């Protein structure tokens, strides 16, 4: 599969089902595309009904990332239903805790309960610290870190009522090694590790496991855009040209950087880790972070 493979075909690369999540209800935030879509489909193929949440509109007007759309979320729903599982789509901003709590109540009412939360939604933009505006910091922190905490706070009480559950948060390898011009994003993703570990301590007595998946650079719109290519080139000591050649040059740098020799990782390669952490096979795993970085995490010391 090429690094430019569509997210629709990426979902098809998920391993064959073993039915490990049959009868479970999973919530996936950031479900419209990328890791969220791949995970939603993988969870459905393992037997889970899925509640897919996404904002489906612009969050950060200064980011170079094209936002997801309602049509993207609809496509995720089509793929989940193709796995013969139930699907509920909800559009909301995860910075809005009351909206998340309303979504949790609706999911419990329509599906009977909540067993799994994959708090995956997040944004990214690049701004040098010396040029950063207040909104550049707050939008990223509020969306990624506070938004993930909001999702946990909204859905965990329903798992307590259920007698247990699985929570998986999406961090990033950029939160472990830092990112030039990406201080807000790196801080938010490192904060998610602390959030995960604290929640694991608090929710363990309720038989709820809490873990994190730590992706590297994933083949999604979050990392496949001009702003990101320019950052890679600048970090590599090269000058962006503002042309299609930037993408190819960034691809070469990233391919050489990862031990497994890929510039971007397919979202479908992250989804099986999410499925494992959501399953009974991981019932004794909590407070842990699982890297999917094509080997780049070998350089991390944190």
C-alpha atoms as a PDB file:
ATOM      1  CA  UNK A   1       0.000   0.000   0.000  1.00  0.00           C
ATOM      2  CA  UNK A   2       1.475   3.393  -0.950  1.00  0.00           C
ATOM      3  CA  UNK A   3       1.974   6.189   1.554  1.00  0.00           C
ATOM      4  CA  UNK A   4      -0.767   8.115  -0.283  1.00  0.00           C
ATOM      5  CA  UNK A   5      -3.321   5.341   0.202  1.00  0.00           C
ATOM      6  CA  UNK A   6      -6.815   6.545   0.989  1.00  0.00           C
ATOM      7  CA  UNK A   7      -8.167   6.241   4.488  1.00  0.00           C
ATOM      8  CA  UNK A   8     -11.023   4.142   3.125  1.00  0.00           C
ATOM      9  CA  UNK A   9      -8.652   1.491   1.796  1.00  0.00           C
ATOM     10  CA  UNK A  10      -6.492   1.780   4.909  1.00  0.00           C
ATOM     11  CA  UNK A  11      -9.412   0.519   6.965  1.00  0.00           C
ATOM     12  CA  UNK A  12      -9.439  -2.597   4.820  1.00  0.00           C
ATOM     13  CA  UNK A  13      -5.917  -3.530   5.973  1.00  0.00           C
ATOM     14  CA  UNK A  14      -7.125  -4.285   9.495  1.00  0.00           C
ATOM     15  CA  UNK A  15      -6.611  -7.969  10.442  1.00  0.00           C
ATOM     16  CA  UNK A  16      -9.439 -10.484  10.307  1.00  0.00           C
ATOM     17  CA  UNK A  17     -11.887 -10.414  13.205  1.00  0.00           C
ATOM     18  CA  UNK A  18     -11.780 -12.743  16.170  1.00  0.00           C
ATOM     19  CA  UNK A  19     -14.975 -11.317  17.664  1.00  0.00           C
ATOM     20  CA  UNK A  20     -13.144 -10.251  20.819  1.00  0.00           C
ATOM     21  CA  UNK A  21     -15.412  -7.232  21.378  1.00  0.00           C
ATOM     22  CA  UNK A  22     -18.759  -8.801  20.564  1.00  0.00           C
ATOM     23  CA  UNK A  23     -21.528  -7.139  22.579  1.00  0.00           C
ATOM     24  CA  UNK A  24     -19.409  -4.119  23.542  1.00  0.00           C
ATOM     25  CA  UNK A  25     -20.177  -0.456  22.875  1.00  0.00           C
ATOM     26  CA  UNK A  26     -17.241   1.755  21.870  1.00  0.00           C
ATOM     27  CA  UNK A  27     -16.970   5.537  21.673  1.00  0.00           C
ATOM     28  CA  UNK A  28     -14.404   7.003  19.276  1.00  0.00           C
ATOM     29  CA  UNK A  29     -13.651  10.712  19.188  1.00  0.00           C
ATOM     30  CA  UNK A  30     -12.067  12.170  16.073  1.00  0.00           C
ATOM     31  CA  UNK A  31     -13.865   9.395  14.226  1.00  0.00           C
ATOM     32  CA  UNK A  32     -14.320  11.140  10.876  1.00  0.00           C
ATOM     33  CA  UNK A  33     -10.970  10.113   9.411  1.00  0.00           C
ATOM     34  CA  UNK A  34      -7.410   8.978  10.099  1.00  0.00           C
ATOM     35  CA  UNK A  35      -6.675   6.942  13.220  1.00  0.00           C
ATOM     36  CA  UNK A  36     -10.202   7.524  14.483  1.00  0.00           C
ATOM     37  CA  UNK A  37     -11.783   6.050  11.386  1.00  0.00           C
ATOM     38  CA  UNK A  38      -9.400   3.090  11.221  1.00  0.00           C
ATOM     39  CA  UNK A  39      -9.977   2.333  14.908  1.00  0.00           C
ATOM     40  CA  UNK A  40     -13.756   2.669  14.627  1.00  0.00           C
ATOM     41  CA  UNK A  41     -13.816   0.156  11.786  1.00  0.00           C
ATOM     42  CA  UNK A  42     -11.415  -2.208  13.574  1.00  0.00           C
ATOM     43  CA  UNK A  43     -13.517  -2.100  16.747  1.00  0.00           C
ATOM     44  CA  UNK A  44     -16.647  -2.783  14.696  1.00  0.00           C
ATOM     45  CA  UNK A  45     -14.995  -5.711  12.938  1.00  0.00           C
ATOM     46  CA  UNK A  46     -14.252  -7.159  16.363  1.00  0.00           C
ATOM     47  CA  UNK A  47     -17.952  -6.954  17.217  1.00  0.00           C
ATOM     48  CA  UNK A  48     -18.375  -3.576  18.933  1.00  0.00           C
ATOM     49  CA  UNK A  49     -21.144  -1.110  18.194  1.00  0.00           C
ATOM     50  CA  UNK A  50     -19.640   2.327  17.655  1.00  0.00           C
ATOM     51  CA  UNK A  51     -20.521   5.874  18.636  1.00  0.00           C
ATOM     52  CA  UNK A  52     -18.450   8.161  16.420  1.00  0.00           C
ATOM     53  CA  UNK A  53     -17.812  11.731  17.565  1.00  0.00           C
ATOM     54  CA  UNK A  54     -16.157  14.501  15.578  1.00  0.00           C
ATOM     55  CA  UNK A  55     -16.398  18.274  15.343  1.00  0.00           C
ATOM     56  CA  UNK A  56     -16.401  18.193  11.502  1.00  0.00           C
ATOM     57  CA  UNK A  57     -15.454  21.854  11.137  1.00  0.00           C
ATOM     58  CA  UNK A  58     -12.572  24.286  11.594  1.00  0.00           C
ATOM     59  CA  UNK A  59     -11.156  24.427  15.126  1.00  0.00           C
ATOM     60  CA  UNK A  60      -7.972  26.445  14.575  1.00  0.00           C
ATOM     61  CA  UNK A  61      -8.244  29.027  11.768  1.00  0.00           C
ATOM     62  CA  UNK A  62      -4.449  29.497  11.768  1.00  0.00           C
ATOM     63  CA  UNK A  63      -3.692  25.831  11.186  1.00  0.00           C
ATOM     64  CA  UNK A  64      -2.737  24.548   7.759  1.00  0.00           C
ATOM     65  CA  UNK A  65      -4.771  21.354   8.260  1.00  0.00           C
ATOM     66  CA  UNK A  66      -7.982  20.899   6.288  1.00  0.00           C
ATOM     67  CA  UNK A  67     -10.762  20.075   8.773  1.00  0.00           C
ATOM     68  CA  UNK A  68     -12.841  16.930   8.674  1.00  0.00           C
ATOM     69  CA  UNK A  69     -16.350  17.192   7.262  1.00  0.00           C
ATOM     70  CA  UNK A  70     -19.772  15.699   8.008  1.00  0.00           C
ATOM     71  CA  UNK A  71     -19.300  13.633   4.861  1.00  0.00           C
ATOM     72  CA  UNK A  72     -16.114  12.147   6.336  1.00  0.00           C
ATOM     73  CA  UNK A  73     -18.011  11.097   9.450  1.00  0.00           C
ATOM     74  CA  UNK A  74     -20.770   9.622   7.298  1.00  0.00           C
ATOM     75  CA  UNK A  75     -18.178   7.539   5.439  1.00  0.00           C
ATOM     76  CA  UNK A  76     -16.848   6.166   8.727  1.00  0.00           C
ATOM     77  CA  UNK A  77     -20.404   5.207   9.606  1.00  0.00           C
ATOM     78  CA  UNK A  78     -20.812   3.426   6.288  1.00  0.00           C
ATOM     79  CA  UNK A  79     -17.697   1.357   6.982  1.00  0.00           C
ATOM     80  CA  UNK A  80     -18.857   0.495  10.500  1.00  0.00           C
ATOM     81  CA  UNK A  81     -22.271  -0.572   9.216  1.00  0.00           C
ATOM     82  CA  UNK A  82     -20.551  -2.638   6.527  1.00  0.00           C
ATOM     83  CA  UNK A  83     -19.111  -4.621   9.443  1.00  0.00           C
ATOM     84  CA  UNK A  84     -22.764  -5.234  10.461  1.00  0.00           C
ATOM     85  CA  UNK A  85     -22.500  -3.188  13.644  1.00  0.00           C
ATOM     86  CA  UNK A  86     -24.667  -0.363  14.929  1.00  0.00           C
ATOM     87  CA  UNK A  87     -23.450   3.207  14.434  1.00  0.00           C
ATOM     88  CA  UNK A  88     -24.339   6.552  15.979  1.00  0.00           C
ATOM     89  CA  UNK A  89     -22.729   9.759  14.683  1.00  0.00           C
ATOM     90  CA  UNK A  90     -22.544  12.838  16.893  1.00  0.00           C
ATOM     91  CA  UNK A  91     -21.007  16.153  15.876  1.00  0.00           C
ATOM     92  CA  UNK A  92     -19.665  18.187  18.783  1.00  0.00           C
ATOM     93  CA  UNK A  93     -16.680  20.151  20.080  1.00  0.00           C
ATOM     94  CA  UNK A  94     -14.939  18.180  22.806  1.00  0.00           C
ATOM     95  CA  UNK A  95     -14.042  21.403  24.585  1.00  0.00           C
ATOM     96  CA  UNK A  96     -17.749  21.458  25.469  1.00  0.00           C
ATOM     97  CA  UNK A  97     -18.073  19.161  28.497  1.00  0.00           C
ATOM     98  CA  UNK A  98     -21.891  19.431  28.759  1.00  0.00           C
ATOM     99  CA  UNK A  99     -22.158  18.369  25.096  1.00  0.00           C
ATOM    100  CA  UNK A 100     -19.978  15.332  25.773  1.00  0.00           C
ATOM    101  CA  UNK A 101     -22.037  14.412  28.819  1.00  0.00           C
ATOM    102  CA  UNK A 102     -25.199  14.671  26.739  1.00  0.00           C
ATOM    103  CA  UNK A 103     -23.599  12.411  24.112  1.00  0.00           C
ATOM    104  CA  UNK A 104     -22.689   9.882  26.810  1.00  0.00           C
ATOM    105  CA  UNK A 105     -26.247   9.863  28.121  1.00  0.00           C
ATOM    106  CA  UNK A 106     -27.614   9.446  24.604  1.00  0.00           C
ATOM    107  CA  UNK A 107     -25.222   6.591  23.862  1.00  0.00           C
ATOM    108  CA  UNK A 108     -26.182   4.797  27.041  1.00  0.00           C
ATOM    109  CA  UNK A 109     -29.873   5.257  26.300  1.00  0.00           C
ATOM    110  CA  UNK A 110     -29.676   4.068  22.678  1.00  0.00           C
ATOM    111  CA  UNK A 111     -27.036   1.331  23.030  1.00  0.00           C
ATOM    112  CA  UNK A 112     -27.543   0.242  26.634  1.00  0.00           C
ATOM    113  CA  UNK A 113     -24.184   1.297  28.053  1.00  0.00           C
ATOM    114  CA  UNK A 114     -20.596   2.335  27.336  1.00  0.00           C
ATOM    115  CA  UNK A 115     -17.709  -0.153  27.515  1.00  0.00           C
ATOM    116  CA  UNK A 116     -14.854   1.455  25.575  1.00  0.00           C
ATOM    117  CA  UNK A 117     -13.659   5.019  25.047  1.00  0.00           C
ATOM    118  CA  UNK A 118     -11.004   5.839  22.475  1.00  0.00           C
ATOM    119  CA  UNK A 119     -10.336   9.533  23.144  1.00  0.00           C
ATOM    120  CA  UNK A 120      -8.475  10.264  19.959  1.00  0.00           C
ATOM    121  CA  UNK A 121      -9.544  13.695  18.677  1.00  0.00           C
ATOM    122  CA  UNK A 122      -6.889  16.378  18.401  1.00  0.00           C
ATOM    123  CA  UNK A 123      -5.472  19.209  16.308  1.00  0.00           C
ATOM    124  CA  UNK A 124      -2.010  20.437  15.386  1.00  0.00           C
ATOM    125  CA  UNK A 125      -0.455  23.656  14.148  1.00  0.00           C
ATOM    126  CA  UNK A 126       3.039  25.136  14.065  1.00  0.00           C
ATOM    127  CA  UNK A 127       4.025  28.487  15.568  1.00  0.00           C
ATOM    128  CA  UNK A 128       7.456  29.615  16.808  1.00  0.00           C
ATOM    129  CA  UNK A 129       7.331  30.437  20.520  1.00  0.00           C
ATOM    130  CA  UNK A 130       8.546  33.972  19.882  1.00  0.00           C
ATOM    131  CA  UNK A 131       5.671  34.567  17.464  1.00  0.00           C
ATOM    132  CA  UNK A 132       2.950  32.550  19.196  1.00  0.00           C
ATOM    133  CA  UNK A 133      -0.318  34.301  19.979  1.00  0.00           C
ATOM    134  CA  UNK A 134      -2.368  33.484  23.052  1.00  0.00           C
ATOM    135  CA  UNK A 135      -5.003  31.743  20.933  1.00  0.00           C
ATOM    136  CA  UNK A 136      -2.374  29.511  19.277  1.00  0.00           C
ATOM    137  CA  UNK A 137      -1.541  28.041  22.674  1.00  0.00           C
ATOM    138  CA  UNK A 138      -5.021  27.896  24.173  1.00  0.00           C
ATOM    139  CA  UNK A 139      -6.801  26.369  21.168  1.00  0.00           C
ATOM    140  CA  UNK A 140      -4.356  23.464  21.032  1.00  0.00           C
ATOM    141  CA  UNK A 141      -4.202  22.845  24.786  1.00  0.00           C
ATOM    142  CA  UNK A 142      -7.963  23.215  25.218  1.00  0.00           C
ATOM    143  CA  UNK A 143      -8.757  20.895  22.327  1.00  0.00           C
ATOM    144  CA  UNK A 144      -6.154  18.193  22.832  1.00  0.00           C
ATOM    145  CA  UNK A 145      -5.561  18.033  26.580  1.00  0.00           C
ATOM    146  CA  UNK A 146      -8.680  19.522  28.133  1.00  0.00           C
ATOM    147  CA  UNK A 147     -10.814  17.927  25.423  1.00  0.00           C
ATOM    148  CA  UNK A 148      -9.392  14.481  26.164  1.00  0.00           C
ATOM    149  CA  UNK A 149      -9.959  15.025  29.886  1.00  0.00           C
ATOM    150  CA  UNK A 150     -13.525  16.111  29.114  1.00  0.00           C
ATOM    151  CA  UNK A 151     -14.155  12.912  27.173  1.00  0.00           C
ATOM    152  CA  UNK A 152     -12.809  10.842  30.031  1.00  0.00           C
ATOM    153  CA  UNK A 153     -14.903  12.752  32.579  1.00  0.00           C
ATOM    154  CA  UNK A 154     -18.040  12.398  30.463  1.00  0.00           C
ATOM    155  CA  UNK A 155     -17.846   8.691  29.660  1.00  0.00           C
ATOM    156  CA  UNK A 156     -16.016   7.138  32.633  1.00  0.00           C
ATOM    157  CA  UNK A 157     -19.026   7.460  34.982  1.00  0.00           C
ATOM    158  CA  UNK A 158     -21.045   5.299  32.594  1.00  0.00           C
ATOM    159  CA  UNK A 159     -18.308   2.644  32.710  1.00  0.00           C
ATOM    160  CA  UNK A 160     -18.412   2.728  36.507  1.00  0.00           C
ATOM    161  CA  UNK A 161     -22.144   2.007  36.280  1.00  0.00           C
ATOM    162  CA  UNK A 162     -21.358  -0.780  33.812  1.00  0.00           C
ATOM    163  CA  UNK A 163     -18.929  -2.393  36.248  1.00  0.00           C
ATOM    164  CA  UNK A 164     -15.756  -1.779  34.243  1.00  0.00           C
ATOM    165  CA  UNK A 165     -14.396  -0.625  30.926  1.00  0.00           C
ATOM    166  CA  UNK A 166     -11.460   0.322  28.743  1.00  0.00           C
ATOM    167  CA  UNK A 167     -10.173   3.831  28.055  1.00  0.00           C
ATOM    168  CA  UNK A 168      -7.500   4.560  25.457  1.00  0.00           C
ATOM    169  CA  UNK A 169      -6.097   8.052  24.883  1.00  0.00           C
ATOM    170  CA  UNK A 170      -4.119   9.222  21.859  1.00  0.00           C
ATOM    171  CA  UNK A 171      -0.816  10.874  22.709  1.00  0.00           C
ATOM    172  CA  UNK A 172       2.016  11.417  20.205  1.00  0.00           C
ATOM    173  CA  UNK A 173       5.704  10.703  19.939  1.00  0.00           C
ATOM    174  CA  UNK A 174       6.070  14.477  19.503  1.00  0.00           C
ATOM    175  CA  UNK A 175       4.989  14.779  23.123  1.00  0.00           C
ATOM    176  CA  UNK A 176       7.933  12.609  24.159  1.00  0.00           C
ATOM    177  CA  UNK A 177      10.744  14.210  22.188  1.00  0.00           C
ATOM    178  CA  UNK A 178       9.436  17.699  21.537  1.00  0.00           C
ATOM    179  CA  UNK A 179       8.813  19.409  18.226  1.00  0.00           C
ATOM    180  CA  UNK A 180      10.342  22.588  16.857  1.00  0.00           C
ATOM    181  CA  UNK A 181       7.594  25.202  16.398  1.00  0.00           C
ATOM    182  CA  UNK A 182       5.147  22.734  17.956  1.00  0.00           C
ATOM    183  CA  UNK A 183       5.432  23.544  21.671  1.00  0.00           C
ATOM    184  CA  UNK A 184       1.688  23.680  22.288  1.00  0.00           C
ATOM    185  CA  UNK A 185       1.064  20.375  20.531  1.00  0.00           C
ATOM    186  CA  UNK A 186       3.988  18.626  22.253  1.00  0.00           C
ATOM    187  CA  UNK A 187       2.891  19.957  25.650  1.00  0.00           C
ATOM    188  CA  UNK A 188      -0.677  18.793  25.101  1.00  0.00           C
ATOM    189  CA  UNK A 189       0.407  15.300  24.094  1.00  0.00           C
ATOM    190  CA  UNK A 190       2.871  14.937  26.968  1.00  0.00           C
ATOM    191  CA  UNK A 191       0.084  16.103  29.280  1.00  0.00           C
ATOM    192  CA  UNK A 192      -2.110  13.287  27.977  1.00  0.00           C
ATOM    193  CA  UNK A 193       0.441  10.766  29.303  1.00  0.00           C
ATOM    194  CA  UNK A 194       0.121  12.294  32.774  1.00  0.00           C
ATOM    195  CA  UNK A 195      -3.665  12.351  32.452  1.00  0.00           C
ATOM    196  CA  UNK A 196      -3.667   8.678  31.439  1.00  0.00           C
ATOM    197  CA  UNK A 197      -1.473   7.566  34.335  1.00  0.00           C
ATOM    198  CA  UNK A 198      -3.472   9.530  36.892  1.00  0.00           C
ATOM    199  CA  UNK A 199      -6.767   8.188  35.554  1.00  0.00           C
ATOM    200  CA  UNK A 200      -5.403   4.631  35.661  1.00  0.00           C
ATOM    201  CA  UNK A 201      -4.719   5.038  39.382  1.00  0.00           C
ATOM    202  CA  UNK A 202      -8.156   6.479  40.105  1.00  0.00           C
ATOM    203  CA  UNK A 203     -10.277   4.243  37.905  1.00  0.00           C
ATOM    204  CA  UNK A 204      -8.528   0.938  38.533  1.00  0.00           C
ATOM    205  CA  UNK A 205     -10.680   0.161  41.604  1.00  0.00           C
ATOM    206  CA  UNK A 206     -13.709   0.414  39.292  1.00  0.00           C
ATOM    207  CA  UNK A 207     -12.155  -2.215  36.969  1.00  0.00           C
ATOM    208  CA  UNK A 208     -11.503   0.386  34.290  1.00  0.00           C
ATOM    209  CA  UNK A 209      -8.145   0.243  32.512  1.00  0.00           C
ATOM    210  CA  UNK A 210      -6.636   3.424  31.097  1.00  0.00           C
ATOM    211  CA  UNK A 211      -3.810   3.388  28.557  1.00  0.00           C
ATOM    212  CA  UNK A 212      -2.406   5.480  25.732  1.00  0.00           C
ATOM    213  CA  UNK A 213      -1.394   4.832  22.171  1.00  0.00           C
ATOM    214  CA  UNK A 214       1.572   6.925  21.018  1.00  0.00           C
ATOM    215  CA  UNK A 215       1.605   7.267  17.227  1.00  0.00           C
ATOM    216  CA  UNK A 216       4.455   8.538  15.135  1.00  0.00           C
ATOM    217  CA  UNK A 217       3.814  10.469  11.935  1.00  0.00           C
ATOM    218  CA  UNK A 218       0.604   9.040  10.518  1.00  0.00           C
ATOM    219  CA  UNK A 219      -0.597   9.222   6.920  1.00  0.00           C
ATOM    220  CA  UNK A 220      -3.495  11.584   7.622  1.00  0.00           C
ATOM    221  CA  UNK A 221      -4.346  15.209   6.794  1.00  0.00           C
ATOM    222  CA  UNK A 222      -2.848  16.176  10.177  1.00  0.00           C
ATOM    223  CA  UNK A 223       0.641  15.436   8.832  1.00  0.00           C
ATOM    224  CA  UNK A 224       0.156  15.617   5.034  1.00  0.00           C
ATOM    225  CA  UNK A 225      -0.026  19.344   4.348  1.00  0.00           C
ATOM    226  CA  UNK A 226       2.272  22.209   3.332  1.00  0.00           C
ATOM    227  CA  UNK A 227       2.775  23.576   6.851  1.00  0.00           C
ATOM    228  CA  UNK A 228       4.008  20.192   8.054  1.00  0.00           C
ATOM    229  CA  UNK A 229       6.323  19.689   5.080  1.00  0.00           C
ATOM    230  CA  UNK A 230       7.862  23.113   5.734  1.00  0.00           C
ATOM    231  CA  UNK A 231       8.434  22.229   9.385  1.00  0.00           C
ATOM    232  CA  UNK A 232      10.204  18.983   8.442  1.00  0.00           C
ATOM    233  CA  UNK A 233      12.432  20.785   5.946  1.00  0.00           C
ATOM    234  CA  UNK A 234      13.307  23.612   8.331  1.00  0.00           C
ATOM    235  CA  UNK A 235      14.080  21.158  11.094  1.00  0.00           C
ATOM    236  CA  UNK A 236      16.349  19.358   8.636  1.00  0.00           C
ATOM    237  CA  UNK A 237      18.226  22.555   7.785  1.00  0.00           C
ATOM    238  CA  UNK A 238      16.581  23.053   4.402  1.00  0.00           C
ATOM    239  CA  UNK A 239      14.542  25.922   2.991  1.00  0.00           C
ATOM    240  CA  UNK A 240      10.933  25.210   1.972  1.00  0.00           C
ATOM    241  CA  UNK A 241      10.170  26.212  -1.616  1.00  0.00           C
ATOM    242  CA  UNK A 242       6.395  26.456  -1.270  1.00  0.00           C
ATOM    243  CA  UNK A 243       5.936  23.991  -4.131  1.00  0.00           C
ATOM    244  CA  UNK A 244       5.101  20.279  -4.611  1.00  0.00           C
ATOM    245  CA  UNK A 245       8.809  19.523  -4.305  1.00  0.00           C
ATOM    246  CA  UNK A 246       8.528  20.200  -0.547  1.00  0.00           C
ATOM    247  CA  UNK A 247       6.461  17.060  -0.102  1.00  0.00           C
ATOM    248  CA  UNK A 248       8.980  14.831  -1.855  1.00  0.00           C
ATOM    249  CA  UNK A 249      11.884  16.387   0.023  1.00  0.00           C
ATOM    250  CA  UNK A 250      10.084  15.949   3.361  1.00  0.00           C
ATOM    251  CA  UNK A 251       9.290  12.363   2.436  1.00  0.00           C
ATOM    252  CA  UNK A 252      12.978  11.585   1.883  1.00  0.00           C
ATOM    253  CA  UNK A 253      13.960  13.136   5.217  1.00  0.00           C
ATOM    254  CA  UNK A 254      11.285  11.252   7.128  1.00  0.00           C
ATOM    255  CA  UNK A 255      12.041   7.946   5.396  1.00  0.00           C
ATOM    256  CA  UNK A 256      15.699   8.209   6.362  1.00  0.00           C
ATOM    257  CA  UNK A 257      14.789   9.157   9.932  1.00  0.00           C
ATOM    258  CA  UNK A 258      12.650   6.140  10.856  1.00  0.00           C
ATOM    259  CA  UNK A 259      14.411   2.806  11.466  1.00  0.00           C
ATOM    260  CA  UNK A 260      11.690   0.943   9.552  1.00  0.00           C
ATOM    261  CA  UNK A 261      12.168   3.262   6.586  1.00  0.00           C
ATOM    262  CA  UNK A 262       8.697   4.747   6.090  1.00  0.00           C
ATOM    263  CA  UNK A 263       7.801   8.448   5.985  1.00  0.00           C
ATOM    264  CA  UNK A 264       4.275   8.043   7.282  1.00  0.00           C
ATOM    265  CA  UNK A 265       2.495   5.198   9.069  1.00  0.00           C
ATOM    266  CA  UNK A 266      -0.844   3.891   7.835  1.00  0.00           C
ATOM    267  CA  UNK A 267      -3.680   4.551  10.335  1.00  0.00           C
ATOM    268  CA  UNK A 268      -4.577   0.859  10.009  1.00  0.00           C
ATOM    269  CA  UNK A 269      -1.263   0.013  11.688  1.00  0.00           C
ATOM    270  CA  UNK A 270      -2.371   1.858  14.837  1.00  0.00           C
ATOM    271  CA  UNK A 271      -5.874   0.357  14.994  1.00  0.00           C
ATOM    272  CA  UNK A 272      -4.842  -3.161  16.164  1.00  0.00           C
ATOM    273  CA  UNK A 273      -3.149  -1.652  19.217  1.00  0.00           C
ATOM    274  CA  UNK A 274      -6.386   0.149  20.065  1.00  0.00           C
ATOM    275  CA  UNK A 275      -8.329  -3.102  19.639  1.00  0.00           C
ATOM    276  CA  UNK A 276      -5.900  -4.960  21.906  1.00  0.00           C
ATOM    277  CA  UNK A 277      -6.139  -2.335  24.649  1.00  0.00           C
ATOM    278  CA  UNK A 278      -9.939  -2.416  24.354  1.00  0.00           C
ATOM    279  CA  UNK A 279     -10.079  -6.193  24.715  1.00  0.00           C
ATOM    280  CA  UNK A 280     -10.034  -8.625  27.617  1.00  0.00           C
ATOM    281  CA  UNK A 281      -6.556  -9.682  26.481  1.00  0.00           C
ATOM    282  CA  UNK A 282      -5.362  -6.378  27.998  1.00  0.00           C
ATOM    283  CA  UNK A 283      -7.323  -6.708  31.235  1.00  0.00           C
ATOM    284  CA  UNK A 284      -4.094  -6.517  33.269  1.00  0.00           C
ATOM    285  CA  UNK A 285      -2.647  -3.628  31.254  1.00  0.00           C
ATOM    286  CA  UNK A 286      -3.248  -0.155  32.688  1.00  0.00           C
ATOM    287  CA  UNK A 287      -1.225   3.032  33.009  1.00  0.00           C
ATOM    288  CA  UNK A 288       0.863   2.103  29.970  1.00  0.00           C
ATOM    289  CA  UNK A 289       1.802   3.836  26.717  1.00  0.00           C
ATOM    290  CA  UNK A 290       2.116   1.845  23.485  1.00  0.00           C
ATOM    291  CA  UNK A 291       4.281   3.368  20.745  1.00  0.00           C
ATOM    292  CA  UNK A 292       3.507   2.911  17.046  1.00  0.00           C
ATOM    293  CA  UNK A 293       6.276   4.967  15.466  1.00  0.00           C
ATOM    294  CA  UNK A 294       8.032   2.792  12.863  1.00  0.00           C
ATOM    295  CA  UNK A 295      10.960   2.661  15.296  1.00  0.00           C
ATOM    296  CA  UNK A 296      11.336   6.406  15.826  1.00  0.00           C
ATOM    297  CA  UNK A 297      10.539   5.975  19.530  1.00  0.00           C
ATOM    298  CA  UNK A 298      13.876   4.150  19.938  1.00  0.00           C
ATOM    299  CA  UNK A 299      15.418   7.616  20.164  1.00  0.00           C
ATOM    300  CA  UNK A 300      13.153   8.801  22.964  1.00  0.00           C
ATOM    301  CA  UNK A 301      14.439   8.991  26.517  1.00  0.00           C
ATOM    302  CA  UNK A 302      11.129  10.121  28.080  1.00  0.00           C
END
